[in-house]
PDB file of N, CA and C in Angstrom:
ATOM      1  N   MET A   1     -31.368  23.388  18.495  1.00  0.00           N
ATOM      2  CA  MET A   1     -29.881  23.849  17.974  1.00  0.00           C
ATOM      3  C   MET A   1     -29.362  23.239  19.581  1.00  0.00           C
ATOM      4  N   SER A   2     -28.305  22.770  19.907  1.00  0.00           N
ATOM      5  CA  SER A   2     -27.520  22.527  20.942  1.00  0.00           C
ATOM      6  C   SER A   2     -26.410  23.363  21.451  1.00  0.00           C
ATOM      7  N   LEU A   3     -25.991  23.460  22.346  1.00  0.00           N
ATOM      8  CA  LEU A   3     -25.518  24.497  22.978  1.00  0.00           C
ATOM      9  C   LEU A   3     -23.821  23.901  23.551  1.00  0.00           C
ATOM     10  N   LEU A   4     -23.057  24.543  23.316  1.00  0.00           N
ATOM     11  CA  LEU A   4     -21.327  24.472  23.169  1.00  0.00           C
ATOM     12  C   LEU A   4     -21.299  24.760  24.711  1.00  0.00           C
ATOM     13  N   TYR A   5     -21.367  24.727  25.897  1.00  0.00           N
ATOM     14  CA  TYR A   5     -20.615  25.242  27.211  1.00  0.00           C
ATOM     15  C   TYR A   5     -19.272  24.980  27.207  1.00  0.00           C
ATOM     16  N   GLU A   6     -18.602  26.591  27.435  1.00  0.00           N
ATOM     17  CA  GLU A   6     -17.704  26.289  27.792  1.00  0.00           C
ATOM     18  C   GLU A   6     -16.911  26.732  29.132  1.00  0.00           C
ATOM     19  N   HIS A   7     -15.722  25.603  29.364  1.00  0.00           N
ATOM     20  CA  HIS A   7     -15.400  25.470  30.878  1.00  0.00           C
ATOM     21  C   HIS A   7     -16.592  24.417  31.591  1.00  0.00           C
ATOM     22  N   HIS A   8     -17.203  23.657  31.399  1.00  0.00           N
ATOM     23  CA  HIS A   8     -18.103  22.945  32.116  1.00  0.00           C
ATOM     24  C   HIS A   8     -17.408  22.136  32.885  1.00  0.00           C
ATOM     25  N   TYR A   9     -17.904  22.083  34.191  1.00  0.00           N
ATOM     26  CA  TYR A   9     -17.255  21.006  35.437  1.00  0.00           C
ATOM     27  C   TYR A   9     -18.286  20.331  36.369  1.00  0.00           C
ATOM     28  N   GLU A  10     -18.215  19.156  36.536  1.00  0.00           N
ATOM     29  CA  GLU A  10     -19.362  18.954  37.632  1.00  0.00           C
ATOM     30  C   GLU A  10     -18.422  17.673  38.421  1.00  0.00           C
ATOM     31  N   GLN A  11     -18.708  18.244  40.086  1.00  0.00           N
ATOM     32  CA  GLN A  11     -18.256  17.435  40.480  1.00  0.00           C
ATOM     33  C   GLN A  11     -18.150  16.044  41.197  1.00  0.00           C
ATOM     34  N   VAL A  12     -17.004  15.626  41.386  1.00  0.00           N
ATOM     35  CA  VAL A  12     -17.315  13.633  41.147  1.00  0.00           C
ATOM     36  C   VAL A  12     -17.383  13.213  43.108  1.00  0.00           C
ATOM     37  N   VAL A  13     -18.523  13.042  42.985  1.00  0.00           N
ATOM     38  CA  VAL A  13     -19.082  12.370  44.333  1.00  0.00           C
ATOM     39  C   VAL A  13     -18.637  10.928  44.741  1.00  0.00           C
ATOM     40  N   THR A  14     -18.378  10.410  43.316  1.00  0.00           N
ATOM     41  CA  THR A  14     -18.164   8.605  43.786  1.00  0.00           C
ATOM     42  C   THR A  14     -17.281   8.346  43.109  1.00  0.00           C
ATOM     43  N   PRO A  15     -16.568   6.931  42.868  1.00  0.00           N
ATOM     44  CA  PRO A  15     -15.249   6.929  42.513  1.00  0.00           C
ATOM     45  C   PRO A  15     -16.220   6.597  41.012  1.00  0.00           C
ATOM     46  N   LEU A  16     -15.012   6.804  40.140  1.00  0.00           N
ATOM     47  CA  LEU A  16     -15.542   6.745  38.137  1.00  0.00           C
ATOM     48  C   LEU A  16     -15.109   4.808  37.724  1.00  0.00           C
ATOM     49  N   PRO A  17     -16.252   4.614  37.683  1.00  0.00           N
ATOM     50  CA  PRO A  17     -15.839   3.269  36.963  1.00  0.00           C
ATOM     51  C   PRO A  17     -14.575   3.334  35.715  1.00  0.00           C
ATOM     52  N   PRO A  18     -13.799   2.233  35.613  1.00  0.00           N
ATOM     53  CA  PRO A  18     -13.057   2.126  34.414  1.00  0.00           C
ATOM     54  C   PRO A  18     -13.449   1.962  33.272  1.00  0.00           C
ATOM     55  N   VAL A  19     -13.272   2.777  32.041  1.00  0.00           N
ATOM     56  CA  VAL A  19     -13.729   2.590  30.907  1.00  0.00           C
ATOM     57  C   VAL A  19     -13.236   1.191  30.117  1.00  0.00           C
ATOM     58  N   ASP A  20     -14.216   0.525  29.522  1.00  0.00           N
ATOM     59  CA  ASP A  20     -13.585  -0.445  29.194  1.00  0.00           C
ATOM     60  C   ASP A  20     -12.672  -0.248  28.046  1.00  0.00           C
ATOM     61  N   PRO A  21     -12.353  -1.304  27.314  1.00  0.00           N
ATOM     62  CA  PRO A  21     -11.274  -1.647  26.178  1.00  0.00           C
ATOM     63  C   PRO A  21     -11.897  -1.265  24.948  1.00  0.00           C
ATOM     64  N   ASP A  22     -12.909  -1.212  24.388  1.00  0.00           N
ATOM     65  CA  ASP A  22     -13.285  -1.202  23.601  1.00  0.00           C
ATOM     66  C   ASP A  22     -13.403   0.052  23.636  1.00  0.00           C
ATOM     67  N   THR A  23     -14.180   1.066  24.382  1.00  0.00           N
ATOM     68  CA  THR A  23     -14.634   2.219  24.344  1.00  0.00           C
ATOM     69  C   THR A  23     -13.613   3.276  24.418  1.00  0.00           C
ATOM     70  N   ARG A  24     -12.385   2.708  24.907  1.00  0.00           N
ATOM     71  CA  ARG A  24     -10.921   3.139  24.878  1.00  0.00           C
ATOM     72  C   ARG A  24     -10.559   3.521  23.536  1.00  0.00           C
ATOM     73  N   ALA A  25     -10.841   2.357  23.071  1.00  0.00           N
ATOM     74  CA  ALA A  25     -10.249   2.292  21.223  1.00  0.00           C
ATOM     75  C   ALA A  25     -10.992   3.418  20.663  1.00  0.00           C
ATOM     76  N   THR A  26     -12.184   3.205  20.676  1.00  0.00           N
ATOM     77  CA  THR A  26     -13.125   4.161  19.639  1.00  0.00           C
ATOM     78  C   THR A  26     -12.789   5.787  20.131  1.00  0.00           C
ATOM     79  N   MET A  27     -12.550   5.748  20.987  1.00  0.00           N
ATOM     80  CA  MET A  27     -12.078   7.177  21.851  1.00  0.00           C
ATOM     81  C   MET A  27     -11.012   7.179  21.243  1.00  0.00           C
ATOM     82  N   LEU A  28      -9.516   6.782  20.846  1.00  0.00           N
ATOM     83  CA  LEU A  28      -8.769   6.695  20.393  1.00  0.00           C
ATOM     84  C   LEU A  28      -8.907   6.715  18.835  1.00  0.00           C
ATOM     85  N   VAL A  29      -9.317   6.473  18.192  1.00  0.00           N
ATOM     86  CA  VAL A  29     -10.101   6.340  16.487  1.00  0.00           C
ATOM     87  C   VAL A  29     -10.374   8.030  16.546  1.00  0.00           C
ATOM     88  N   ILE A  30     -11.228   8.275  17.357  1.00  0.00           N
ATOM     89  CA  ILE A  30     -11.498   9.678  17.232  1.00  0.00           C
ATOM     90  C   ILE A  30     -11.123  10.425  17.400  1.00  0.00           C
ATOM     91  N   ILE A  31      -9.691  10.721  18.072  1.00  0.00           N
ATOM     92  CA  ILE A  31      -8.779  11.742  18.623  1.00  0.00           C
ATOM     93  C   ILE A  31      -7.824  11.672  17.403  1.00  0.00           C
ATOM     94  N   TYR A  32      -7.153  10.355  16.437  1.00  0.00           N
ATOM     95  CA  TYR A  32      -6.467  10.203  15.817  1.00  0.00           C
ATOM     96  C   TYR A  32      -7.037  10.785  14.664  1.00  0.00           C
ATOM     97  N   ASP A  33      -8.070  10.458  14.495  1.00  0.00           N
ATOM     98  CA  ASP A  33      -8.621  11.427  13.007  1.00  0.00           C
ATOM     99  C   ASP A  33      -9.431  12.513  13.203  1.00  0.00           C
ATOM    100  N   SER A  34      -9.051  13.672  14.367  1.00  0.00           N
ATOM    101  CA  SER A  34      -9.600  14.568  14.565  1.00  0.00           C
ATOM    102  C   SER A  34      -7.848  15.106  14.407  1.00  0.00           C
ATOM    103  N   VAL A  35      -6.626  14.785  14.347  1.00  0.00           N
ATOM    104  CA  VAL A  35      -5.603  15.098  14.231  1.00  0.00           C
ATOM    105  C   VAL A  35      -5.679  15.292  12.295  1.00  0.00           C
ATOM    106  N   ARG A  36      -5.991  14.210  12.216  1.00  0.00           N
ATOM    107  CA  ARG A  36      -5.548  14.031  10.499  1.00  0.00           C
ATOM    108  C   ARG A  36      -6.474  14.928   9.697  1.00  0.00           C
ATOM    109  N   LYS A  37      -7.761  14.957  10.091  1.00  0.00           N
ATOM    110  CA  LYS A  37      -9.019  15.312   9.449  1.00  0.00           C
ATOM    111  C   LYS A  37      -9.271  16.799   9.619  1.00  0.00           C
ATOM    112  N   ASP A  38      -8.459  17.407  10.920  1.00  0.00           N
ATOM    113  CA  ASP A  38      -8.925  18.879  11.437  1.00  0.00           C
ATOM    114  C   ASP A  38     -10.187  18.929  11.787  1.00  0.00           C
ATOM    115  N   PHE A  39     -11.177  18.286  12.594  1.00  0.00           N
ATOM    116  CA  PHE A  39     -11.978  18.060  12.973  1.00  0.00           C
ATOM    117  C   PHE A  39     -12.415  18.486  14.310  1.00  0.00           C
ATOM    118  N   ALA A  40     -13.380  19.344  14.955  1.00  0.00           N
ATOM    119  CA  ALA A  40     -13.855  19.568  16.537  1.00  0.00           C
ATOM    120  C   ALA A  40     -14.373  17.975  16.728  1.00  0.00           C
ATOM    121  N   ILE A  41     -13.553  18.106  18.045  1.00  0.00           N
ATOM    122  CA  ILE A  41     -14.456  16.946  19.575  1.00  0.00           C
ATOM    123  C   ILE A  41     -14.869  17.367  20.590  1.00  0.00           C
ATOM    124  N   SER A  42     -15.722  16.617  21.314  1.00  0.00           N
ATOM    125  CA  SER A  42     -15.894  17.091  22.439  1.00  0.00           C
ATOM    126  C   SER A  42     -15.250  16.357  23.699  1.00  0.00           C
ATOM    127  N   VAL A  43     -14.617  16.606  24.481  1.00  0.00           N
ATOM    128  CA  VAL A  43     -13.700  15.695  25.365  1.00  0.00           C
ATOM    129  C   VAL A  43     -13.920  16.311  26.898  1.00  0.00           C
ATOM    130  N   SER A  44     -14.535  14.907  27.434  1.00  0.00           N
ATOM    131  CA  SER A  44     -14.569  14.407  28.844  1.00  0.00           C
ATOM    132  C   SER A  44     -13.297  13.445  29.885  1.00  0.00           C
ATOM    133  N   TRP A  45     -12.853  14.664  30.780  1.00  0.00           N
ATOM    134  CA  TRP A  45     -11.962  13.725  31.590  1.00  0.00           C
ATOM    135  C   TRP A  45     -12.165  13.953  32.804  1.00  0.00           C
ATOM    136  N   HIS A  46     -10.986  13.102  33.520  1.00  0.00           N
ATOM    137  CA  HIS A  46     -11.250  13.236  34.902  1.00  0.00           C
ATOM    138  C   HIS A  46      -9.968  13.768  35.835  1.00  0.00           C
ATOM    139  N   THR A  47     -10.197  15.387  36.429  1.00  0.00           N
ATOM    140  CA  THR A  47      -8.957  15.436  36.935  1.00  0.00           C
ATOM    141  C   THR A  47      -9.379  15.240  38.401  1.00  0.00           C
ATOM    142  N   ASP A  48      -9.351  16.230  39.477  1.00  0.00           N
ATOM    143  CA  ASP A  48     -10.460  16.266  40.712  1.00  0.00           C
ATOM    144  C   ASP A  48     -12.037  16.341  40.488  1.00  0.00           C
ATOM    145  N   TYR A  49     -12.053  16.850  39.242  1.00  0.00           N
ATOM    146  CA  TYR A  49     -13.522  16.937  38.739  1.00  0.00           C
ATOM    147  C   TYR A  49     -13.762  16.255  37.665  1.00  0.00           C
ATOM    148  N   ILE A  50     -14.795  16.252  37.013  1.00  0.00           N
ATOM    149  CA  ILE A  50     -15.097  15.900  35.427  1.00  0.00           C
ATOM    150  C   ILE A  50     -15.422  17.255  34.653  1.00  0.00           C
ATOM    151  N   ARG A  51     -14.230  17.611  33.616  1.00  0.00           N
ATOM    152  CA  ARG A  51     -13.901  18.608  32.920  1.00  0.00           C
ATOM    153  C   ARG A  51     -14.077  18.155  31.392  1.00  0.00           C
ATOM    154  N   ARG A  52     -15.197  19.401  31.353  1.00  0.00           N
ATOM    155  CA  ARG A  52     -15.581  19.038  29.206  1.00  0.00           C
ATOM    156  C   ARG A  52     -15.214  20.286  28.606  1.00  0.00           C
ATOM    157  N   GLU A  53     -14.514  19.743  27.364  1.00  0.00           N
ATOM    158  CA  GLU A  53     -13.826  20.749  26.697  1.00  0.00           C
ATOM    159  C   GLU A  53     -13.858  20.301  25.255  1.00  0.00           C
ATOM    160  N   TRP A  54     -14.218  21.365  23.754  1.00  0.00           N
ATOM    161  CA  TRP A  54     -13.884  20.925  23.065  1.00  0.00           C
ATOM    162  C   TRP A  54     -13.473  22.151  22.074  1.00  0.00           C
ATOM    163  N   GLY A  55     -12.339  20.817  20.714  1.00  0.00           N
ATOM    164  CA  GLY A  55     -11.586  21.780  20.045  1.00  0.00           C
ATOM    165  C   GLY A  55     -11.120  20.933  18.848  1.00  0.00           C
ATOM    166  N   VAL A  56     -10.276  21.211  18.827  1.00  0.00           N
ATOM    167  CA  VAL A  56      -9.280  20.179  17.464  1.00  0.00           C
ATOM    168  C   VAL A  56      -7.828  19.764  18.493  1.00  0.00           C
ATOM    169  N   VAL A  57      -7.751  18.581  18.206  1.00  0.00           N
ATOM    170  CA  VAL A  57      -6.495  18.115  18.903  1.00  0.00           C
ATOM    171  C   VAL A  57      -4.974  18.029  17.499  1.00  0.00           C
ATOM    172  N   LYS A  58      -4.332  18.918  17.947  1.00  0.00           N
ATOM    173  CA  LYS A  58      -3.492  19.366  17.245  1.00  0.00           C
ATOM    174  C   LYS A  58      -1.878  18.821  17.376  1.00  0.00           C
ATOM    175  N   ASP A  59      -1.766  18.166  18.425  1.00  0.00           N
ATOM    176  CA  ASP A  59      -0.354  17.350  19.002  1.00  0.00           C
ATOM    177  C   ASP A  59      -0.554  15.933  20.343  1.00  0.00           C
ATOM    178  N   ILE A  60      -0.279  15.296  19.733  1.00  0.00           N
ATOM    179  CA  ILE A  60      -0.329  13.925  20.728  1.00  0.00           C
ATOM    180  C   ILE A  60       1.174  13.532  21.297  1.00  0.00           C
ATOM    181  N   GLU A  61       1.618  13.664  22.606  1.00  0.00           N
ATOM    182  CA  GLU A  61       2.748  13.319  22.697  1.00  0.00           C
ATOM    183  C   GLU A  61       2.266  12.110  23.459  1.00  0.00           C
ATOM    184  N   HIS A  62       3.246  10.748  22.493  1.00  0.00           N
ATOM    185  CA  HIS A  62       3.235   9.899  22.861  1.00  0.00           C
ATOM    186  C   HIS A  62       4.118   9.153  24.341  1.00  0.00           C
ATOM    187  N   SER A  63       5.109  10.295  24.690  1.00  0.00           N
ATOM    188  CA  SER A  63       6.098   9.762  25.902  1.00  0.00           C
ATOM    189  C   SER A  63       5.233  10.200  27.288  1.00  0.00           C
ATOM    190  N   ASP A  64       4.317  11.313  27.018  1.00  0.00           N
ATOM    191  CA  ASP A  64       3.648  11.710  28.082  1.00  0.00           C
ATOM    192  C   ASP A  64       2.238  11.294  28.165  1.00  0.00           C
ATOM    193  N   ASN A  65       1.824  10.665  26.919  1.00  0.00           N
ATOM    194  CA  ASN A  65       0.870   9.823  27.238  1.00  0.00           C
ATOM    195  C   ASN A  65      -0.457  11.009  26.939  1.00  0.00           C
ATOM    196  N   LYS A  66      -0.257  12.123  26.729  1.00  0.00           N
ATOM    197  CA  LYS A  66      -1.380  12.848  26.464  1.00  0.00           C
ATOM    198  C   LYS A  66      -1.702  13.577  25.020  1.00  0.00           C
ATOM    199  N   PHE A  67      -2.572  15.057  24.945  1.00  0.00           N
ATOM    200  CA  PHE A  67      -3.125  15.242  23.880  1.00  0.00           C
ATOM    201  C   PHE A  67      -3.399  17.001  23.805  1.00  0.00           C
ATOM    202  N   LYS A  68      -2.908  17.120  22.906  1.00  0.00           N
ATOM    203  CA  LYS A  68      -2.991  18.467  23.065  1.00  0.00           C
ATOM    204  C   LYS A  68      -4.588  19.538  22.138  1.00  0.00           C
ATOM    205  N   LEU A  69      -5.551  19.637  22.583  1.00  0.00           N
ATOM    206  CA  LEU A  69      -6.874  19.814  22.839  1.00  0.00           C
ATOM    207  C   LEU A  69      -7.217  21.768  22.526  1.00  0.00           C
ATOM    208  N   VAL A  70      -7.163  22.127  21.182  1.00  0.00           N
ATOM    209  CA  VAL A  70      -6.770  23.321  20.880  1.00  0.00           C
ATOM    210  C   VAL A  70      -8.345  24.471  20.414  1.00  0.00           C
ATOM    211  N   ARG A  71      -8.580  25.279  20.816  1.00  0.00           N
ATOM    212  CA  ARG A  71      -9.595  26.060  20.600  1.00  0.00           C
ATOM    213  C   ARG A  71      -9.167  27.899  20.565  1.00  0.00           C
ATOM    214  N   ASP A  72      -9.829  28.446  19.881  1.00  0.00           N
ATOM    215  CA  ASP A  72      -9.786  30.033  19.976  1.00  0.00           C
ATOM    216  C   ASP A  72      -9.213  30.443  21.065  1.00  0.00           C
ATOM    217  N   ASP A  73      -9.920  30.455  22.350  1.00  0.00           N
ATOM    218  CA  ASP A  73      -9.652  30.633  23.593  1.00  0.00           C
ATOM    219  C   ASP A  73      -9.000  29.703  24.350  1.00  0.00           C
ATOM    220  N   GLY A  74      -8.171  29.298  24.417  1.00  0.00           N
ATOM    221  CA  GLY A  74      -7.753  28.089  25.328  1.00  0.00           C
ATOM    222  C   GLY A  74      -6.998  26.489  24.168  1.00  0.00           C
ATOM    223  N   ILE A  75      -6.158  26.350  24.995  1.00  0.00           N
ATOM    224  CA  ILE A  75      -5.068  25.023  25.020  1.00  0.00           C
ATOM    225  C   ILE A  75      -5.139  24.285  26.179  1.00  0.00           C
ATOM    226  N   TRP A  76      -5.624  22.779  25.859  1.00  0.00           N
ATOM    227  CA  TRP A  76      -5.594  21.960  27.287  1.00  0.00           C
ATOM    228  C   TRP A  76      -4.449  20.541  26.566  1.00  0.00           C
ATOM    229  N   TRP A  77      -4.089  20.341  27.806  1.00  0.00           N
ATOM    230  CA  TRP A  77      -3.389  18.714  27.796  1.00  0.00           C
ATOM    231  C   TRP A  77      -4.027  17.730  28.511  1.00  0.00           C
ATOM    232  N   VAL A  78      -4.678  16.866  27.558  1.00  0.00           N
ATOM    233  CA  VAL A  78      -5.457  15.873  28.130  1.00  0.00           C
ATOM    234  C   VAL A  78      -4.737  14.903  28.243  1.00  0.00           C
ATOM    235  N   PRO A  79      -4.736  14.087  29.699  1.00  0.00           N
ATOM    236  CA  PRO A  79      -4.173  13.163  30.135  1.00  0.00           C
ATOM    237  C   PRO A  79      -5.006  11.400  29.158  1.00  0.00           C
ATOM    238  N   ILE A  80      -4.697  10.710  28.409  1.00  0.00           N
ATOM    239  CA  ILE A  80      -5.100   9.686  27.368  1.00  0.00           C
ATOM    240  C   ILE A  80      -5.703   8.767  28.869  1.00  0.00           C
ATOM    241  N   GLU A  81      -5.514   8.657  29.610  1.00  0.00           N
ATOM    242  CA  GLU A  81      -5.583   7.182  31.082  1.00  0.00           C
ATOM    243  C   GLU A  81      -6.857   8.529  31.633  1.00  0.00           C
ATOM    244  N   LYS A  82      -6.962   9.104  31.615  1.00  0.00           N
ATOM    245  CA  LYS A  82      -7.897  10.126  32.567  1.00  0.00           C
ATOM    246  C   LYS A  82      -9.312  10.337  31.471  1.00  0.00           C
ATOM    247  N   LEU A  83      -9.239   9.854  30.067  1.00  0.00           N
ATOM    248  CA  LEU A  83     -10.172  10.117  29.376  1.00  0.00           C
ATOM    249  C   LEU A  83     -11.602   9.137  29.787  1.00  0.00           C
ATOM    250  N   LEU A  84     -12.832  10.061  29.784  1.00  0.00           N
ATOM    251  CA  LEU A  84     -14.179   9.463  29.721  1.00  0.00           C
ATOM    252  C   LEU A  84     -15.039   9.258  28.385  1.00  0.00           C
ATOM    253  N   GLN A  85     -14.954  10.578  27.983  1.00  0.00           N
ATOM    254  CA  GLN A  85     -15.669  10.046  26.894  1.00  0.00           C
ATOM    255  C   GLN A  85     -15.698  11.095  25.887  1.00  0.00           C
ATOM    256  N   VAL A  86     -15.260  10.927  24.600  1.00  0.00           N
ATOM    257  CA  VAL A  86     -14.417  11.650  23.457  1.00  0.00           C
ATOM    258  C   VAL A  86     -16.034  11.595  22.526  1.00  0.00           C
ATOM    259  N   ASP A  87     -16.522  12.361  21.782  1.00  0.00           N
ATOM    260  CA  ASP A  87     -17.343  12.392  20.859  1.00  0.00           C
ATOM    261  C   ASP A  87     -17.126  13.852  19.451  1.00  0.00           C
ATOM    262  N   ARG A  88     -17.108  12.953  18.350  1.00  0.00           N
ATOM    263  CA  ARG A  88     -17.686  13.911  17.330  1.00  0.00           C
ATOM    264  C   ARG A  88     -18.239  15.138  17.326  1.00  0.00           C
ATOM    265  N   ILE A  89     -18.135  16.522  16.833  1.00  0.00           N
ATOM    266  CA  ILE A  89     -19.027  17.665  16.996  1.00  0.00           C
ATOM    267  C   ILE A  89     -19.461  18.150  15.523  1.00  0.00           C
TER     268      ILE A  89
END
């Protein structure tokens, strides 16, 4: 059985490589599927550190290029250009 950690952070010590276009396209498909089919995803993104959260995508702001990740205990606006990894749960 795997555990889902809440509010997991990792310090970034080296510059992160850019995400290749095929991986980014796959991540965006998973995000859109989460909106349409209402299932949870795990998301990693870069701010000053690598942040990992999980939840359901409830809204996508195309003008601001971000999406809303919602869970019972929190809401996060995740910037799409800072995405590192998106997985289905």
